[in-house]
């Protein structure tokens, strides 16, 4: 997995966001065991404590479940996964409309741009 990190925002938040997208996109499937904290930290080039903080955030959101014997796995609760997917999609759409508005487009014009681009 390629990690894209910048110094403008807390690293753990960026890690949590990227892991969330990997889970919601199916990179990590429901019920799948995630690599260990140390493995993920080494892969991302960050301190294990930073990665642990990101993973704890996933636990709090309900995207992952931690078990002392089997490690951390992706939740098998489809309602949680679909809810988070819908929330993330809504954020992307809101950001698109806000960015289009900054360019002077109305919501309807921005939607028309999407339709033309898609076709």
PDB file of N, CA and C in Angstrom:
ATOM      1  N   UNK A   1       0.838  -1.167   0.000  1.00  0.00           N
ATOM      2  CA  UNK A   1       0.000   0.000   0.000  1.00  0.00           C
ATOM      3  C   UNK A   1       0.890   1.240   0.000  1.00  0.00           C
ATOM      4  N   UNK A   2       0.579   2.163  -0.872  1.00  0.00           N
ATOM      5  CA  UNK A   2       1.341   3.408  -0.920  1.00  0.00           C
ATOM      6  C   UNK A   2       0.723   4.408   0.060  1.00  0.00           C
ATOM      7  N   UNK A   3       1.559   5.004   0.876  1.00  0.00           N
ATOM      8  CA  UNK A   3       1.102   5.971   1.868  1.00  0.00           C
ATOM      9  C   UNK A   3       1.453   7.363   1.399  1.00  0.00           C
ATOM     10  N   UNK A   4       0.496   8.271   1.452  1.00  0.00           N
ATOM     11  CA  UNK A   4       0.729   9.662   1.070  1.00  0.00           C
ATOM     12  C   UNK A   4       0.534  10.519   2.309  1.00  0.00           C
ATOM     13  N   UNK A   5       1.632  11.019   2.825  1.00  0.00           N
ATOM     14  CA  UNK A   5       1.602  11.800   4.057  1.00  0.00           C
ATOM     15  C   UNK A   5       2.221  13.164   3.812  1.00  0.00           C
ATOM     16  N   UNK A   6       1.632  14.178   4.442  1.00  0.00           N
ATOM     17  CA  UNK A   6       2.234  15.506   4.366  1.00  0.00           C
ATOM     18  C   UNK A   6       2.326  16.087   5.767  1.00  0.00           C
ATOM     19  N   UNK A   7       3.104  17.141   5.900  1.00  0.00           N
ATOM     20  CA  UNK A   7       3.369  17.717   7.216  1.00  0.00           C
ATOM     21  C   UNK A   7       2.329  18.753   7.645  1.00  0.00           C
ATOM     22  N   UNK A   8       1.311  18.981   6.824  1.00  0.00           N
ATOM     23  CA  UNK A   8       0.339  20.025   7.125  1.00  0.00           C
ATOM     24  C   UNK A   8      -0.758  19.587   8.087  1.00  0.00           C
ATOM     25  N   UNK A   9      -0.905  18.280   8.272  1.00  0.00           N
ATOM     26  CA  UNK A   9      -1.939  17.752   9.158  1.00  0.00           C
ATOM     27  C   UNK A   9      -1.342  16.641  10.009  1.00  0.00           C
ATOM     28  N   UNK A  10      -1.946  16.353  11.153  1.00  0.00           N
ATOM     29  CA  UNK A  10      -1.412  15.268  11.991  1.00  0.00           C
ATOM     30  C   UNK A  10      -1.322  13.959  11.205  1.00  0.00           C
ATOM     31  N   UNK A  11      -0.190  13.289  11.335  1.00  0.00           N
ATOM     32  CA  UNK A  11       0.076  12.068  10.586  1.00  0.00           C
ATOM     33  C   UNK A  11      -0.939  10.978  10.944  1.00  0.00           C
ATOM     34  N   UNK A  12      -1.258  10.831  12.219  1.00  0.00           N
ATOM     35  CA  UNK A  12      -2.170   9.761  12.620  1.00  0.00           C
ATOM     36  C   UNK A  12      -3.538   9.928  11.979  1.00  0.00           C
ATOM     37  N   UNK A  13      -3.991  11.158  11.791  1.00  0.00           N
ATOM     38  CA  UNK A  13      -5.280  11.397  11.142  1.00  0.00           C
ATOM     39  C   UNK A  13      -5.205  10.980   9.670  1.00  0.00           C
ATOM     40  N   UNK A  14      -4.098  11.317   9.014  1.00  0.00           N
ATOM     41  CA  UNK A  14      -3.923  10.928   7.616  1.00  0.00           C
ATOM     42  C   UNK A  14      -3.885   9.406   7.477  1.00  0.00           C
ATOM     43  N   UNK A  15      -3.205   8.748   8.401  1.00  0.00           N
ATOM     44  CA  UNK A  15      -3.142   7.287   8.379  1.00  0.00           C
ATOM     45  C   UNK A  15      -4.531   6.688   8.572  1.00  0.00           C
ATOM     46  N   UNK A  16      -5.265   7.236   9.533  1.00  0.00           N
ATOM     47  CA  UNK A  16      -6.619   6.744   9.798  1.00  0.00           C
ATOM     48  C   UNK A  16      -7.511   6.929   8.571  1.00  0.00           C
ATOM     49  N   UNK A  17      -7.419   8.074   7.925  1.00  0.00           N
ATOM     50  CA  UNK A  17      -8.215   8.330   6.720  1.00  0.00           C
ATOM     51  C   UNK A  17      -7.861   7.349   5.603  1.00  0.00           C
ATOM     52  N   UNK A  18      -6.580   7.122   5.414  1.00  0.00           N
ATOM     53  CA  UNK A  18      -6.156   6.223   4.345  1.00  0.00           C
ATOM     54  C   UNK A  18      -6.553   4.772   4.639  1.00  0.00           C
ATOM     55  N   UNK A  19      -6.453   4.361   5.884  1.00  0.00           N
ATOM     56  CA  UNK A  19      -6.886   3.018   6.248  1.00  0.00           C
ATOM     57  C   UNK A  19      -8.405   2.881   6.093  1.00  0.00           C
ATOM     58  N   UNK A  20      -9.129   3.927   6.449  1.00  0.00           N
ATOM     59  CA  UNK A  20     -10.590   3.917   6.285  1.00  0.00           C
ATOM     60  C   UNK A  20     -10.948   3.708   4.824  1.00  0.00           C
ATOM     61  N   UNK A  21     -10.299   4.446   3.941  1.00  0.00           N
ATOM     62  CA  UNK A  21     -10.567   4.292   2.501  1.00  0.00           C
ATOM     63  C   UNK A  21     -10.207   2.890   2.012  1.00  0.00           C
ATOM     64  N   UNK A  22      -9.128   2.341   2.522  1.00  0.00           N
ATOM     65  CA  UNK A  22      -8.736   0.987   2.117  1.00  0.00           C
ATOM     66  C   UNK A  22      -9.788  -0.034   2.558  1.00  0.00           C
ATOM     67  N   UNK A  23     -10.349   0.163   3.726  1.00  0.00           N
ATOM     68  CA  UNK A  23     -11.387  -0.742   4.218  1.00  0.00           C
ATOM     69  C   UNK A  23     -12.660  -0.571   3.396  1.00  0.00           C
ATOM     70  N   UNK A  24     -13.083   0.669   3.193  1.00  0.00           N
ATOM     71  CA  UNK A  24     -14.346   0.926   2.502  1.00  0.00           C
ATOM     72  C   UNK A  24     -14.281   0.579   1.018  1.00  0.00           C
ATOM     73  N   UNK A  25     -13.091   0.601   0.448  1.00  0.00           N
ATOM     74  CA  UNK A  25     -12.946   0.263  -0.970  1.00  0.00           C
ATOM     75  C   UNK A  25     -12.804  -1.245  -1.191  1.00  0.00           C
ATOM     76  N   UNK A  26     -12.640  -1.995  -0.101  1.00  0.00           N
ATOM     77  CA  UNK A  26     -12.491  -3.440  -0.222  1.00  0.00           C
ATOM     78  C   UNK A  26     -11.052  -3.926  -0.271  1.00  0.00           C
ATOM     79  N   UNK A  27     -10.097  -3.001  -0.181  1.00  0.00           N
ATOM     80  CA  UNK A  27      -8.679  -3.407  -0.133  1.00  0.00           C
ATOM     81  C   UNK A  27      -8.504  -4.399   1.026  1.00  0.00           C
ATOM     82  N   UNK A  28      -9.056  -4.023   2.187  1.00  0.00           N
ATOM     83  CA  UNK A  28      -9.170  -4.942   3.318  1.00  0.00           C
ATOM     84  C   UNK A  28     -10.647  -5.312   3.402  1.00  0.00           C
ATOM     85  N   UNK A  29     -10.954  -6.588   3.306  1.00  0.00           N
ATOM     86  CA  UNK A  29     -12.340  -7.044   3.275  1.00  0.00           C
ATOM     87  C   UNK A  29     -12.903  -7.268   4.681  1.00  0.00           C
ATOM     88  N   UNK A  30     -14.218  -7.279   4.767  1.00  0.00           N
ATOM     89  CA  UNK A  30     -14.900  -7.545   6.037  1.00  0.00           C
ATOM     90  C   UNK A  30     -14.392  -8.860   6.616  1.00  0.00           C
ATOM     91  N   UNK A  31     -14.030  -8.828   7.891  1.00  0.00           N
ATOM     92  CA  UNK A  31     -13.529 -10.015   8.576  1.00  0.00           C
ATOM     93  C   UNK A  31     -12.054 -10.295   8.386  1.00  0.00           C
ATOM     94  N   UNK A  32     -11.415  -9.571   7.481  1.00  0.00           N
ATOM     95  CA  UNK A  32      -9.992  -9.810   7.211  1.00  0.00           C
ATOM     96  C   UNK A  32      -9.128  -9.261   8.346  1.00  0.00           C
ATOM     97  N   UNK A  33      -8.083 -10.015   8.655  1.00  0.00           N
ATOM     98  CA  UNK A  33      -7.131  -9.574   9.677  1.00  0.00           C
ATOM     99  C   UNK A  33      -6.205  -8.534   9.067  1.00  0.00           C
ATOM    100  N   UNK A  34      -6.016  -7.424   9.786  1.00  0.00           N
ATOM    101  CA  UNK A  34      -5.089  -6.381   9.339  1.00  0.00           C
ATOM    102  C   UNK A  34      -3.661  -6.775   9.733  1.00  0.00           C
ATOM    103  N   UNK A  35      -2.675  -6.264   9.008  1.00  0.00           N
ATOM    104  CA  UNK A  35      -1.290  -6.464   9.451  1.00  0.00           C
ATOM    105  C   UNK A  35      -1.109  -5.869  10.848  1.00  0.00           C
ATOM    106  N   UNK A  36      -0.067  -6.290  11.524  1.00  0.00           N
ATOM    107  CA  UNK A  36       0.186  -5.785  12.878  1.00  0.00           C
ATOM    108  C   UNK A  36       0.526  -4.296  12.847  1.00  0.00           C
ATOM    109  N   UNK A  37       0.451  -3.677  13.995  1.00  0.00           N
ATOM    110  CA  UNK A  37       0.802  -2.263  14.135  1.00  0.00           C
ATOM    111  C   UNK A  37       2.215  -2.029  13.623  1.00  0.00           C
ATOM    112  N   UNK A  38       3.127  -2.883  14.028  1.00  0.00           N
ATOM    113  CA  UNK A  38       4.526  -2.716  13.619  1.00  0.00           C
ATOM    114  C   UNK A  38       4.699  -2.884  12.114  1.00  0.00           C
ATOM    115  N   UNK A  39       4.009  -3.849  11.531  1.00  0.00           N
ATOM    116  CA  UNK A  39       4.095  -4.046  10.081  1.00  0.00           C
ATOM    117  C   UNK A  39       3.565  -2.830   9.323  1.00  0.00           C
ATOM    118  N   UNK A  40       2.401  -2.335   9.743  1.00  0.00           N
ATOM    119  CA  UNK A  40       1.824  -1.162   9.083  1.00  0.00           C
ATOM    120  C   UNK A  40       2.703   0.068   9.283  1.00  0.00           C
ATOM    121  N   UNK A  41       3.238   0.224  10.484  1.00  0.00           N
ATOM    122  CA  UNK A  41       4.102   1.376  10.768  1.00  0.00           C
ATOM    123  C   UNK A  41       5.358   1.332   9.902  1.00  0.00           C
ATOM    124  N   UNK A  42       5.958   0.169   9.774  1.00  0.00           N
ATOM    125  CA  UNK A  42       7.158   0.030   8.945  1.00  0.00           C
ATOM    126  C   UNK A  42       6.826   0.329   7.487  1.00  0.00           C
ATOM    127  N   UNK A  43       5.698  -0.168   7.025  1.00  0.00           N
ATOM    128  CA  UNK A  43       5.266   0.058   5.647  1.00  0.00           C
ATOM    129  C   UNK A  43       5.054   1.545   5.367  1.00  0.00           C
ATOM    130  N   UNK A  44       4.461   2.254   6.347  1.00  0.00           N
ATOM    131  CA  UNK A  44       4.164   3.679   6.177  1.00  0.00           C
ATOM    132  C   UNK A  44       5.355   4.568   6.528  1.00  0.00           C
ATOM    133  N   UNK A  45       6.363   3.992   7.188  1.00  0.00           N
ATOM    134  CA  UNK A  45       7.531   4.777   7.590  1.00  0.00           C
ATOM    135  C   UNK A  45       7.243   5.706   8.757  1.00  0.00           C
ATOM    136  N   UNK A  46       6.403   5.226   9.686  1.00  0.00           N
ATOM    137  CA  UNK A  46       6.045   6.055  10.845  1.00  0.00           C
ATOM    138  C   UNK A  46       6.333   5.291  12.133  1.00  0.00           C
ATOM    139  N   UNK A  47       6.290   5.985  13.234  1.00  0.00           N
ATOM    140  CA  UNK A  47       6.471   5.396  14.549  1.00  0.00           C
ATOM    141  C   UNK A  47       5.284   4.479  14.850  1.00  0.00           C
ATOM    142  N   UNK A  48       5.523   3.306  15.441  1.00  0.00           N
ATOM    143  CA  UNK A  48       4.407   2.414  15.787  1.00  0.00           C
ATOM    144  C   UNK A  48       3.339   3.071  16.666  1.00  0.00           C
ATOM    145  N   UNK A  49       3.744   3.986  17.548  1.00  0.00           N
ATOM    146  CA  UNK A  49       2.761   4.673  18.394  1.00  0.00           C
ATOM    147  C   UNK A  49       1.809   5.527  17.560  1.00  0.00           C
ATOM    148  N   UNK A  50       2.327   6.120  16.493  1.00  0.00           N
ATOM    149  CA  UNK A  50       1.499   6.929  15.597  1.00  0.00           C
ATOM    150  C   UNK A  50       0.498   6.042  14.876  1.00  0.00           C
ATOM    151  N   UNK A  51       0.960   4.886  14.402  1.00  0.00           N
ATOM    152  CA  UNK A  51       0.060   3.949  13.721  1.00  0.00           C
ATOM    153  C   UNK A  51      -0.972   3.406  14.698  1.00  0.00           C
ATOM    154  N   UNK A  52      -0.552   3.112  15.927  1.00  0.00           N
ATOM    155  CA  UNK A  52      -1.487   2.607  16.932  1.00  0.00           C
ATOM    156  C   UNK A  52      -2.605   3.622  17.182  1.00  0.00           C
ATOM    157  N   UNK A  53      -2.261   4.881  17.205  1.00  0.00           N
ATOM    158  CA  UNK A  53      -3.275   5.927  17.414  1.00  0.00           C
ATOM    159  C   UNK A  53      -4.277   5.940  16.259  1.00  0.00           C
ATOM    160  N   UNK A  54      -3.790   5.777  15.029  1.00  0.00           N
ATOM    161  CA  UNK A  54      -4.671   5.733  13.858  1.00  0.00           C
ATOM    162  C   UNK A  54      -5.589   4.507  13.937  1.00  0.00           C
ATOM    163  N   UNK A  55      -5.030   3.372  14.298  1.00  0.00           N
ATOM    164  CA  UNK A  55      -5.822   2.147  14.389  1.00  0.00           C
ATOM    165  C   UNK A  55      -6.837   2.213  15.527  1.00  0.00           C
ATOM    166  N   UNK A  56      -6.472   2.866  16.617  1.00  0.00           N
ATOM    167  CA  UNK A  56      -7.425   3.046  17.719  1.00  0.00           C
ATOM    168  C   UNK A  56      -8.624   3.871  17.247  1.00  0.00           C
ATOM    169  N   UNK A  57      -8.364   4.829  16.366  1.00  0.00           N
ATOM    170  CA  UNK A  57      -9.452   5.618  15.790  1.00  0.00           C
ATOM    171  C   UNK A  57     -10.396   4.756  14.969  1.00  0.00           C
ATOM    172  N   UNK A  58      -9.846   3.785  14.224  1.00  0.00           N
ATOM    173  CA  UNK A  58     -10.684   2.864  13.452  1.00  0.00           C
ATOM    174  C   UNK A  58     -11.527   2.001  14.386  1.00  0.00           C
ATOM    175  N   UNK A  59     -10.935   1.595  15.509  1.00  0.00           N
ATOM    176  CA  UNK A  59     -11.685   0.828  16.507  1.00  0.00           C
ATOM    177  C   UNK A  59     -12.855   1.659  17.041  1.00  0.00           C
ATOM    178  N   UNK A  60     -12.583   2.916  17.342  1.00  0.00           N
ATOM    179  CA  UNK A  60     -13.625   3.795  17.890  1.00  0.00           C
ATOM    180  C   UNK A  60     -14.752   4.023  16.892  1.00  0.00           C
ATOM    181  N   UNK A  61     -14.420   4.078  15.609  1.00  0.00           N
ATOM    182  CA  UNK A  61     -15.435   4.270  14.567  1.00  0.00           C
ATOM    183  C   UNK A  61     -16.199   2.979  14.276  1.00  0.00           C
ATOM    184  N   UNK A  62     -15.716   1.878  14.800  1.00  0.00           N
ATOM    185  CA  UNK A  62     -16.381   0.602  14.584  1.00  0.00           C
ATOM    186  C   UNK A  62     -15.967  -0.098  13.303  1.00  0.00           C
ATOM    187  N   UNK A  63     -14.956   0.431  12.620  1.00  0.00           N
ATOM    188  CA  UNK A  63     -14.499  -0.191  11.373  1.00  0.00           C
ATOM    189  C   UNK A  63     -13.628  -1.411  11.618  1.00  0.00           C
ATOM    190  N   UNK A  64     -12.981  -1.451  12.770  1.00  0.00           N
ATOM    191  CA  UNK A  64     -12.143  -2.599  13.116  1.00  0.00           C
ATOM    192  C   UNK A  64     -12.519  -3.107  14.498  1.00  0.00           C
ATOM    193  N   UNK A  65     -12.169  -4.366  14.720  1.00  0.00           N
ATOM    194  CA  UNK A  65     -12.428  -5.014  15.995  1.00  0.00           C
ATOM    195  C   UNK A  65     -11.111  -5.620  16.455  1.00  0.00           C
ATOM    196  N   UNK A  66     -10.751  -5.364  17.690  1.00  0.00           N
ATOM    197  CA  UNK A  66      -9.491  -5.876  18.220  1.00  0.00           C
ATOM    198  C   UNK A  66      -9.763  -7.044  19.155  1.00  0.00           C
ATOM    199  N   UNK A  67      -9.014  -8.118  18.941  1.00  0.00           N
ATOM    200  CA  UNK A  67      -9.100  -9.303  19.770  1.00  0.00           C
ATOM    201  C   UNK A  67      -7.684  -9.653  20.194  1.00  0.00           C
ATOM    202  N   UNK A  68      -7.481  -9.850  21.460  1.00  0.00           N
ATOM    203  CA  UNK A  68      -6.125 -10.105  21.970  1.00  0.00           C
ATOM    204  C   UNK A  68      -5.463 -11.322  21.333  1.00  0.00           C
ATOM    205  N   UNK A  69      -6.237 -12.321  20.978  1.00  0.00           N
ATOM    206  CA  UNK A  69      -5.628 -13.544  20.441  1.00  0.00           C
ATOM    207  C   UNK A  69      -5.501 -13.544  18.924  1.00  0.00           C
ATOM    208  N   UNK A  70      -6.442 -12.884  18.228  1.00  0.00           N
ATOM    209  CA  UNK A  70      -6.396 -12.935  16.759  1.00  0.00           C
ATOM    210  C   UNK A  70      -5.940 -11.627  16.133  1.00  0.00           C
ATOM    211  N   UNK A  71      -5.767 -10.600  16.924  1.00  0.00           N
ATOM    212  CA  UNK A  71      -5.336  -9.311  16.385  1.00  0.00           C
ATOM    213  C   UNK A  71      -6.523  -8.454  15.955  1.00  0.00           C
ATOM    214  N   UNK A  72      -6.252  -7.519  15.093  1.00  0.00           N
ATOM    215  CA  UNK A  72      -7.279  -6.555  14.652  1.00  0.00           C
ATOM    216  C   UNK A  72      -7.828  -6.986  13.302  1.00  0.00           C
ATOM    217  N   UNK A  73      -9.153  -7.049  13.210  1.00  0.00           N
ATOM    218  CA  UNK A  73      -9.806  -7.406  11.962  1.00  0.00           C
ATOM    219  C   UNK A  73     -10.796  -6.326  11.552  1.00  0.00           C
ATOM    220  N   UNK A  74     -11.134  -6.318  10.275  1.00  0.00           N
ATOM    221  CA  UNK A  74     -12.147  -5.405   9.756  1.00  0.00           C
ATOM    222  C   UNK A  74     -13.504  -5.906  10.237  1.00  0.00           C
ATOM    223  N   UNK A  75     -14.360  -5.006  10.637  1.00  0.00           N
ATOM    224  CA  UNK A  75     -15.687  -5.394  11.098  1.00  0.00           C
ATOM    225  C   UNK A  75     -16.435  -6.169  10.024  1.00  0.00           C
ATOM    226  N   UNK A  76     -17.292  -7.052  10.459  1.00  0.00           N
ATOM    227  CA  UNK A  76     -18.158  -7.776   9.536  1.00  0.00           C
ATOM    228  C   UNK A  76     -19.563  -7.182   9.536  1.00  0.00           C
ATOM    229  N   UNK A  77     -19.733  -6.063  10.231  1.00  0.00           N
ATOM    230  CA  UNK A  77     -21.021  -5.380  10.315  1.00  0.00           C
ATOM    231  C   UNK A  77     -21.213  -4.528   9.061  1.00  0.00           C
ATOM    232  N   UNK A  78     -21.994  -5.053   8.118  1.00  0.00           N
ATOM    233  CA  UNK A  78     -22.203  -4.344   6.856  1.00  0.00           C
ATOM    234  C   UNK A  78     -22.888  -2.991   7.044  1.00  0.00           C
ATOM    235  N   UNK A  79     -23.709  -2.857   8.066  1.00  0.00           N
ATOM    236  CA  UNK A  79     -24.375  -1.582   8.325  1.00  0.00           C
ATOM    237  C   UNK A  79     -23.341  -0.506   8.660  1.00  0.00           C
ATOM    238  N   UNK A  80     -22.341  -0.862   9.434  1.00  0.00           N
ATOM    239  CA  UNK A  80     -21.270   0.084   9.771  1.00  0.00           C
ATOM    240  C   UNK A  80     -20.491   0.451   8.513  1.00  0.00           C
ATOM    241  N   UNK A  81     -20.130  -0.559   7.730  1.00  0.00           N
ATOM    242  CA  UNK A  81     -19.345  -0.314   6.514  1.00  0.00           C
ATOM    243  C   UNK A  81     -20.130   0.548   5.520  1.00  0.00           C
ATOM    244  N   UNK A  82     -21.393   0.221   5.286  1.00  0.00           N
ATOM    245  CA  UNK A  82     -22.203   0.996   4.340  1.00  0.00           C
ATOM    246  C   UNK A  82     -22.465   2.403   4.857  1.00  0.00           C
ATOM    247  N   UNK A  83     -22.674   2.533   6.158  1.00  0.00           N
ATOM    248  CA  UNK A  83     -22.884   3.858   6.750  1.00  0.00           C
ATOM    249  C   UNK A  83     -21.668   4.751   6.580  1.00  0.00           C
ATOM    250  N   UNK A  84     -20.491   4.194   6.831  1.00  0.00           N
ATOM    251  CA  UNK A  84     -19.251   4.959   6.668  1.00  0.00           C
ATOM    252  C   UNK A  84     -18.998   5.273   5.197  1.00  0.00           C
ATOM    253  N   UNK A  85     -19.296   4.334   4.314  1.00  0.00           N
ATOM    254  CA  UNK A  85     -19.121   4.554   2.880  1.00  0.00           C
ATOM    255  C   UNK A  85     -20.018   5.703   2.418  1.00  0.00           C
ATOM    256  N   UNK A  86     -21.267   5.708   2.875  1.00  0.00           N
ATOM    257  CA  UNK A  86     -22.214   6.774   2.512  1.00  0.00           C
ATOM    258  C   UNK A  86     -21.760   8.118   3.074  1.00  0.00           C
ATOM    259  N   UNK A  87     -21.248   8.122   4.286  1.00  0.00           N
ATOM    260  CA  UNK A  87     -20.758   9.365   4.896  1.00  0.00           C
ATOM    261  C   UNK A  87     -19.573   9.912   4.127  1.00  0.00           C
ATOM    262  N   UNK A  88     -18.638   9.052   3.777  1.00  0.00           N
ATOM    263  CA  UNK A  88     -17.463   9.479   3.021  1.00  0.00           C
ATOM    264  C   UNK A  88     -17.868   9.998   1.645  1.00  0.00           C
ATOM    265  N   UNK A  89     -18.791   9.315   0.975  1.00  0.00           N
ATOM    266  CA  UNK A  89     -19.270   9.758  -0.335  1.00  0.00           C
ATOM    267  C   UNK A  89     -19.947  11.125  -0.223  1.00  0.00           C
ATOM    268  N   UNK A  90     -20.736  11.324   0.814  1.00  0.00           N
ATOM    269  CA  UNK A  90     -21.408  12.613   1.018  1.00  0.00           C
ATOM    270  C   UNK A  90     -20.381  13.726   1.220  1.00  0.00           C
ATOM    271  N   UNK A  91     -19.314  13.442   1.946  1.00  0.00           N
ATOM    272  CA  UNK A  91     -18.246  14.433   2.150  1.00  0.00           C
ATOM    273  C   UNK A  91     -17.562  14.787   0.833  1.00  0.00           C
ATOM    274  N   UNK A  92     -17.328  13.781  -0.001  1.00  0.00           N
ATOM    275  CA  UNK A  92     -16.693  14.013  -1.305  1.00  0.00           C
ATOM    276  C   UNK A  92     -17.596  14.886  -2.173  1.00  0.00           C
ATOM    277  N   UNK A  93     -18.874  14.581  -2.175  1.00  0.00           N
ATOM    278  CA  UNK A  93     -19.833  15.356  -2.970  1.00  0.00           C
ATOM    279  C   UNK A  93     -19.913  16.797  -2.468  1.00  0.00           C
ATOM    280  N   UNK A  94     -19.992  16.955  -1.146  1.00  0.00           N
ATOM    281  CA  UNK A  94     -20.043  18.308  -0.565  1.00  0.00           C
ATOM    282  C   UNK A  94     -18.805  19.106  -0.955  1.00  0.00           C
ATOM    283  N   UNK A  95     -17.640  18.472  -0.875  1.00  0.00           N
ATOM    284  CA  UNK A  95     -16.392  19.140  -1.226  1.00  0.00           C
ATOM    285  C   UNK A  95     -16.389  19.531  -2.707  1.00  0.00           C
ATOM    286  N   UNK A  96     -16.904  18.650  -3.567  1.00  0.00           N
ATOM    287  CA  UNK A  96     -16.990  18.960  -4.989  1.00  0.00           C
ATOM    288  C   UNK A  96     -17.843  20.204  -5.218  1.00  0.00           C
ATOM    289  N   UNK A  97     -19.029  20.231  -4.619  1.00  0.00           N
ATOM    290  CA  UNK A  97     -19.924  21.380  -4.803  1.00  0.00           C
ATOM    291  C   UNK A  97     -19.298  22.669  -4.256  1.00  0.00           C
ATOM    292  N   UNK A  98     -18.623  22.585  -3.121  1.00  0.00           N
ATOM    293  CA  UNK A  98     -17.960  23.760  -2.544  1.00  0.00           C
ATOM    294  C   UNK A  98     -16.847  24.254  -3.471  1.00  0.00           C
ATOM    295  N   UNK A  99     -16.070  23.334  -4.009  1.00  0.00           N
ATOM    296  CA  UNK A  99     -14.982  23.713  -4.915  1.00  0.00           C
ATOM    297  C   UNK A  99     -15.527  24.316  -6.195  1.00  0.00           C
ATOM    298  N   UNK A 100     -16.603  23.740  -6.721  1.00  0.00           N
ATOM    299  CA  UNK A 100     -17.223  24.277  -7.931  1.00  0.00           C
ATOM    300  C   UNK A 100     -17.786  25.672  -7.663  1.00  0.00           C
ATOM    301  N   UNK A 101     -18.359  25.872  -6.485  1.00  0.00           N
ATOM    302  CA  UNK A 101     -18.905  27.184  -6.125  1.00  0.00           C
ATOM    303  C   UNK A 101     -17.799  28.232  -6.066  1.00  0.00           C
ATOM    304  N   UNK A 102     -16.616  27.841  -5.604  1.00  0.00           N
ATOM    305  CA  UNK A 102     -15.480  28.762  -5.570  1.00  0.00           C
ATOM    306  C   UNK A 102     -15.067  29.190  -6.970  1.00  0.00           C
ATOM    307  N   UNK A 103     -15.390  28.362  -7.959  1.00  0.00           N
ATOM    308  CA  UNK A 103     -15.098  28.692  -9.353  1.00  0.00           C
ATOM    309  C   UNK A 103     -16.251  29.450 -10.012  1.00  0.00           C
ATOM    310  N   UNK A 104     -17.317  29.675  -9.244  1.00  0.00           N
ATOM    311  CA  UNK A 104     -18.443  30.442  -9.756  1.00  0.00           C
ATOM    312  C   UNK A 104     -19.590  29.618 -10.304  1.00  0.00           C
ATOM    313  N   UNK A 105     -19.553  28.312 -10.121  1.00  0.00           N
ATOM    314  CA  UNK A 105     -20.622  27.461 -10.622  1.00  0.00           C
ATOM    315  C   UNK A 105     -21.736  27.322  -9.586  1.00  0.00           C
ATOM    316  N   UNK A 106     -22.977  27.281 -10.068  1.00  0.00           N
ATOM    317  CA  UNK A 106     -24.093  26.948  -9.192  1.00  0.00           C
ATOM    318  C   UNK A 106     -24.084  25.437  -9.002  1.00  0.00           C
ATOM    319  N   UNK A 107     -24.882  24.967  -8.073  1.00  0.00           N
ATOM    320  CA  UNK A 107     -24.968  23.528  -7.833  1.00  0.00           C
ATOM    321  C   UNK A 107     -25.454  22.805  -9.096  1.00  0.00           C
ATOM    322  N   UNK A 108     -26.419  23.401  -9.776  1.00  0.00           N
ATOM    323  CA  UNK A 108     -26.959  22.801 -10.990  1.00  0.00           C
ATOM    324  C   UNK A 108     -25.904  22.756 -12.100  1.00  0.00           C
ATOM    325  N   UNK A 109     -25.130  23.829 -12.231  1.00  0.00           N
ATOM    326  CA  UNK A 109     -24.077  23.857 -13.244  1.00  0.00           C
ATOM    327  C   UNK A 109     -22.993  22.818 -12.932  1.00  0.00           C
ATOM    328  N   UNK A 110     -22.667  22.689 -11.663  1.00  0.00           N
ATOM    329  CA  UNK A 110     -21.663  21.709 -11.253  1.00  0.00           C
ATOM    330  C   UNK A 110     -22.152  20.289 -11.559  1.00  0.00           C
ATOM    331  N   UNK A 111     -23.420  20.035 -11.300  1.00  0.00           N
ATOM    332  CA  UNK A 111     -23.990  18.725 -11.605  1.00  0.00           C
ATOM    333  C   UNK A 111     -23.952  18.460 -13.108  1.00  0.00           C
ATOM    334  N   UNK A 112     -24.218  19.481 -13.896  1.00  0.00           N
ATOM    335  CA  UNK A 112     -24.166  19.341 -15.350  1.00  0.00           C
ATOM    336  C   UNK A 112     -22.737  19.022 -15.807  1.00  0.00           C
ATOM    337  N   UNK A 113     -21.758  19.644 -15.167  1.00  0.00           N
ATOM    338  CA  UNK A 113     -20.361  19.333 -15.477  1.00  0.00           C
ATOM    339  C   UNK A 113     -20.064  17.850 -15.233  1.00  0.00           C
ATOM    340  N   UNK A 114     -20.566  17.342 -14.137  1.00  0.00           N
ATOM    341  CA  UNK A 114     -20.369  15.925 -13.831  1.00  0.00           C
ATOM    342  C   UNK A 114     -21.018  15.033 -14.889  1.00  0.00           C
ATOM    343  N   UNK A 115     -22.211  15.373 -15.269  1.00  0.00           N
ATOM    344  CA  UNK A 115     -22.921  14.572 -16.279  1.00  0.00           C
ATOM    345  C   UNK A 115     -22.162  14.565 -17.594  1.00  0.00           C
ATOM    346  N   UNK A 116     -21.677  15.726 -18.006  1.00  0.00           N
ATOM    347  CA  UNK A 116     -20.918  15.805 -19.268  1.00  0.00           C
ATOM    348  C   UNK A 116     -19.618  15.040 -19.176  1.00  0.00           C
ATOM    349  N   UNK A 117     -18.951  15.124 -18.055  1.00  0.00           N
ATOM    350  CA  UNK A 117     -17.656  14.452 -17.842  1.00  0.00           C
ATOM    351  C   UNK A 117     -17.834  12.942 -17.841  1.00  0.00           C
ATOM    352  N   UNK A 118     -18.933  12.494 -17.271  1.00  0.00           N
ATOM    353  CA  UNK A 118     -19.198  11.067 -17.139  1.00  0.00           C
ATOM    354  C   UNK A 118     -19.592  10.439 -18.466  1.00  0.00           C
ATOM    355  N   UNK A 119     -20.221  11.218 -19.341  1.00  0.00           N
ATOM    356  CA  UNK A 119     -20.729  10.662 -20.600  1.00  0.00           C
ATOM    357  C   UNK A 119     -19.724  10.714 -21.646  1.00  0.00           C
TER     358      UNK A 119
END
